[in-house]
């Protein structure tokens, strides 16, 4: 784990909506650090995402075959939403 782990920002974006949900495709939030609580992000994805936000921030490769730097996760509802997690690059922060 890098010494900048606690400063690493991770973006979470809704990519797919299945069934009823308060979130819409394109909704985007940024974790300012891996343990942050994100106002407005429902607990149905926020709590399950916490482990994967930490993995993403640490640069641990995901299971995604097309790009192992991103994670795609599903909220806890069987007909909920699919979310994309990715590190915020230094260029994006500038």
C-alpha atoms as a PDB file:
ATOM      1  CA  UNK A   1       0.000   0.000   0.000  1.00  0.00           C
ATOM      2  CA  UNK A   2       1.333   3.402  -0.901  1.00  0.00           C
ATOM      3  CA  UNK A   3       1.890   6.155   1.646  1.00  0.00           C
ATOM      4  CA  UNK A   4      -0.683   8.228  -0.288  1.00  0.00           C
ATOM      5  CA  UNK A   5      -3.389   5.597   0.253  1.00  0.00           C
ATOM      6  CA  UNK A   6      -5.344   7.776   2.701  1.00  0.00           C
ATOM      7  CA  UNK A   7      -5.252  10.694   0.251  1.00  0.00           C
ATOM      8  CA  UNK A   8      -6.325   8.644  -2.774  1.00  0.00           C
ATOM      9  CA  UNK A   9      -9.698   9.679  -4.182  1.00  0.00           C
ATOM     10  CA  UNK A  10     -12.043   7.139  -5.743  1.00  0.00           C
ATOM     11  CA  UNK A  11     -14.933   8.027  -8.034  1.00  0.00           C
ATOM     12  CA  UNK A  12     -18.112   5.933  -7.972  1.00  0.00           C
ATOM     13  CA  UNK A  13     -20.477   6.278 -10.939  1.00  0.00           C
ATOM     14  CA  UNK A  14     -23.835   4.636 -11.589  1.00  0.00           C
ATOM     15  CA  UNK A  15     -23.501   2.773 -14.904  1.00  0.00           C
ATOM     16  CA  UNK A  16     -26.704   0.779 -15.038  1.00  0.00           C
ATOM     17  CA  UNK A  17     -30.092   0.984 -13.357  1.00  0.00           C
ATOM     18  CA  UNK A  18     -32.217  -2.100 -12.886  1.00  0.00           C
ATOM     19  CA  UNK A  19     -35.633  -1.707 -11.272  1.00  0.00           C
ATOM     20  CA  UNK A  20     -36.459   1.017  -8.752  1.00  0.00           C
ATOM     21  CA  UNK A  21     -33.704   3.179  -7.308  1.00  0.00           C
ATOM     22  CA  UNK A  22     -33.288   6.785  -6.268  1.00  0.00           C
ATOM     23  CA  UNK A  23     -30.054   6.969  -8.271  1.00  0.00           C
ATOM     24  CA  UNK A  24     -29.852   7.519 -12.018  1.00  0.00           C
ATOM     25  CA  UNK A  25     -27.295   6.411 -14.603  1.00  0.00           C
ATOM     26  CA  UNK A  26     -24.496   8.956 -14.544  1.00  0.00           C
ATOM     27  CA  UNK A  27     -24.817   9.848 -10.854  1.00  0.00           C
ATOM     28  CA  UNK A  28     -21.245  10.346  -9.669  1.00  0.00           C
ATOM     29  CA  UNK A  29     -19.677  10.819  -6.249  1.00  0.00           C
ATOM     30  CA  UNK A  30     -16.070  11.032  -5.099  1.00  0.00           C
ATOM     31  CA  UNK A  31     -14.661   9.412  -1.981  1.00  0.00           C
ATOM     32  CA  UNK A  32     -12.023  11.914  -0.759  1.00  0.00           C
ATOM     33  CA  UNK A  33     -10.386   8.994   1.063  1.00  0.00           C
ATOM     34  CA  UNK A  34     -11.147   5.260   1.242  1.00  0.00           C
ATOM     35  CA  UNK A  35     -13.123   5.442   4.500  1.00  0.00           C
ATOM     36  CA  UNK A  36     -15.212   8.550   3.824  1.00  0.00           C
ATOM     37  CA  UNK A  37     -18.982   8.659   4.131  1.00  0.00           C
ATOM     38  CA  UNK A  38     -20.566  10.112   0.990  1.00  0.00           C
ATOM     39  CA  UNK A  39     -23.591  12.347   1.560  1.00  0.00           C
ATOM     40  CA  UNK A  40     -26.369  11.475  -0.891  1.00  0.00           C
ATOM     41  CA  UNK A  41     -25.101   7.997  -1.775  1.00  0.00           C
ATOM     42  CA  UNK A  42     -27.539   5.382  -0.510  1.00  0.00           C
ATOM     43  CA  UNK A  43     -26.406   2.820   2.032  1.00  0.00           C
ATOM     44  CA  UNK A  44     -27.448   0.045  -0.360  1.00  0.00           C
ATOM     45  CA  UNK A  45     -24.262   0.715  -2.311  1.00  0.00           C
ATOM     46  CA  UNK A  46     -22.162   2.809   0.075  1.00  0.00           C
ATOM     47  CA  UNK A  47     -21.591   0.122   2.693  1.00  0.00           C
ATOM     48  CA  UNK A  48     -20.965  -2.770   0.261  1.00  0.00           C
ATOM     49  CA  UNK A  49     -18.656  -0.537  -1.817  1.00  0.00           C
ATOM     50  CA  UNK A  50     -16.376   0.325   1.106  1.00  0.00           C
ATOM     51  CA  UNK A  51     -14.181  -2.781   0.728  1.00  0.00           C
ATOM     52  CA  UNK A  52     -13.806  -2.253  -3.019  1.00  0.00           C
ATOM     53  CA  UNK A  53     -13.129   1.481  -2.631  1.00  0.00           C
ATOM     54  CA  UNK A  54     -10.175   0.533  -0.425  1.00  0.00           C
ATOM     55  CA  UNK A  55      -8.951  -2.038  -2.958  1.00  0.00           C
ATOM     56  CA  UNK A  56      -9.292   0.491  -5.775  1.00  0.00           C
ATOM     57  CA  UNK A  57      -7.469   3.198  -3.792  1.00  0.00           C
ATOM     58  CA  UNK A  58      -4.647   0.757  -3.033  1.00  0.00           C
ATOM     59  CA  UNK A  59      -4.283  -0.077  -6.739  1.00  0.00           C
ATOM     60  CA  UNK A  60      -5.183  -3.751  -6.303  1.00  0.00           C
ATOM     61  CA  UNK A  61      -6.223  -5.152  -9.710  1.00  0.00           C
ATOM     62  CA  UNK A  62      -9.922  -5.936 -10.113  1.00  0.00           C
ATOM     63  CA  UNK A  63     -11.594  -8.879 -11.833  1.00  0.00           C
ATOM     64  CA  UNK A  64     -12.553  -6.752 -14.859  1.00  0.00           C
ATOM     65  CA  UNK A  65     -10.929  -8.330 -17.919  1.00  0.00           C
ATOM     66  CA  UNK A  66     -11.135  -5.211 -20.073  1.00  0.00           C
ATOM     67  CA  UNK A  67      -9.538  -2.885 -17.468  1.00  0.00           C
ATOM     68  CA  UNK A  68      -8.327  -4.194 -14.118  1.00  0.00           C
ATOM     69  CA  UNK A  69      -7.931  -0.665 -12.721  1.00  0.00           C
ATOM     70  CA  UNK A  70     -11.715  -0.303 -12.362  1.00  0.00           C
ATOM     71  CA  UNK A  71     -14.236  -2.228 -10.302  1.00  0.00           C
ATOM     72  CA  UNK A  72     -17.862  -2.814 -11.183  1.00  0.00           C
ATOM     73  CA  UNK A  73     -20.130  -3.693  -8.300  1.00  0.00           C
ATOM     74  CA  UNK A  74     -23.850  -4.151  -7.748  1.00  0.00           C
ATOM     75  CA  UNK A  75     -25.840  -2.606  -4.941  1.00  0.00           C
ATOM     76  CA  UNK A  76     -27.487  -4.961  -2.460  1.00  0.00           C
ATOM     77  CA  UNK A  77     -30.847  -5.027  -4.252  1.00  0.00           C
ATOM     78  CA  UNK A  78     -31.399  -7.886  -6.693  1.00  0.00           C
ATOM     79  CA  UNK A  79     -32.816  -5.290  -9.093  1.00  0.00           C
ATOM     80  CA  UNK A  80     -30.729  -2.287  -8.154  1.00  0.00           C
ATOM     81  CA  UNK A  81     -27.823  -0.515  -9.782  1.00  0.00           C
ATOM     82  CA  UNK A  82     -24.378  -1.292 -11.167  1.00  0.00           C
ATOM     83  CA  UNK A  83     -21.583   1.057 -10.113  1.00  0.00           C
ATOM     84  CA  UNK A  84     -18.113   1.724 -11.493  1.00  0.00           C
ATOM     85  CA  UNK A  85     -15.246   2.501  -9.108  1.00  0.00           C
ATOM     86  CA  UNK A  86     -12.041   4.120 -10.337  1.00  0.00           C
ATOM     87  CA  UNK A  87      -9.178   6.094  -8.878  1.00  0.00           C
ATOM     88  CA  UNK A  88      -9.198   9.838  -9.519  1.00  0.00           C
ATOM     89  CA  UNK A  89      -5.976  10.649 -11.336  1.00  0.00           C
ATOM     90  CA  UNK A  90      -3.681  13.538 -10.457  1.00  0.00           C
ATOM     91  CA  UNK A  91      -4.502  15.147 -13.818  1.00  0.00           C
ATOM     92  CA  UNK A  92      -8.203  15.139 -12.978  1.00  0.00           C
ATOM     93  CA  UNK A  93      -7.538  16.786  -9.611  1.00  0.00           C
ATOM     94  CA  UNK A  94      -5.564  19.649 -11.164  1.00  0.00           C
END
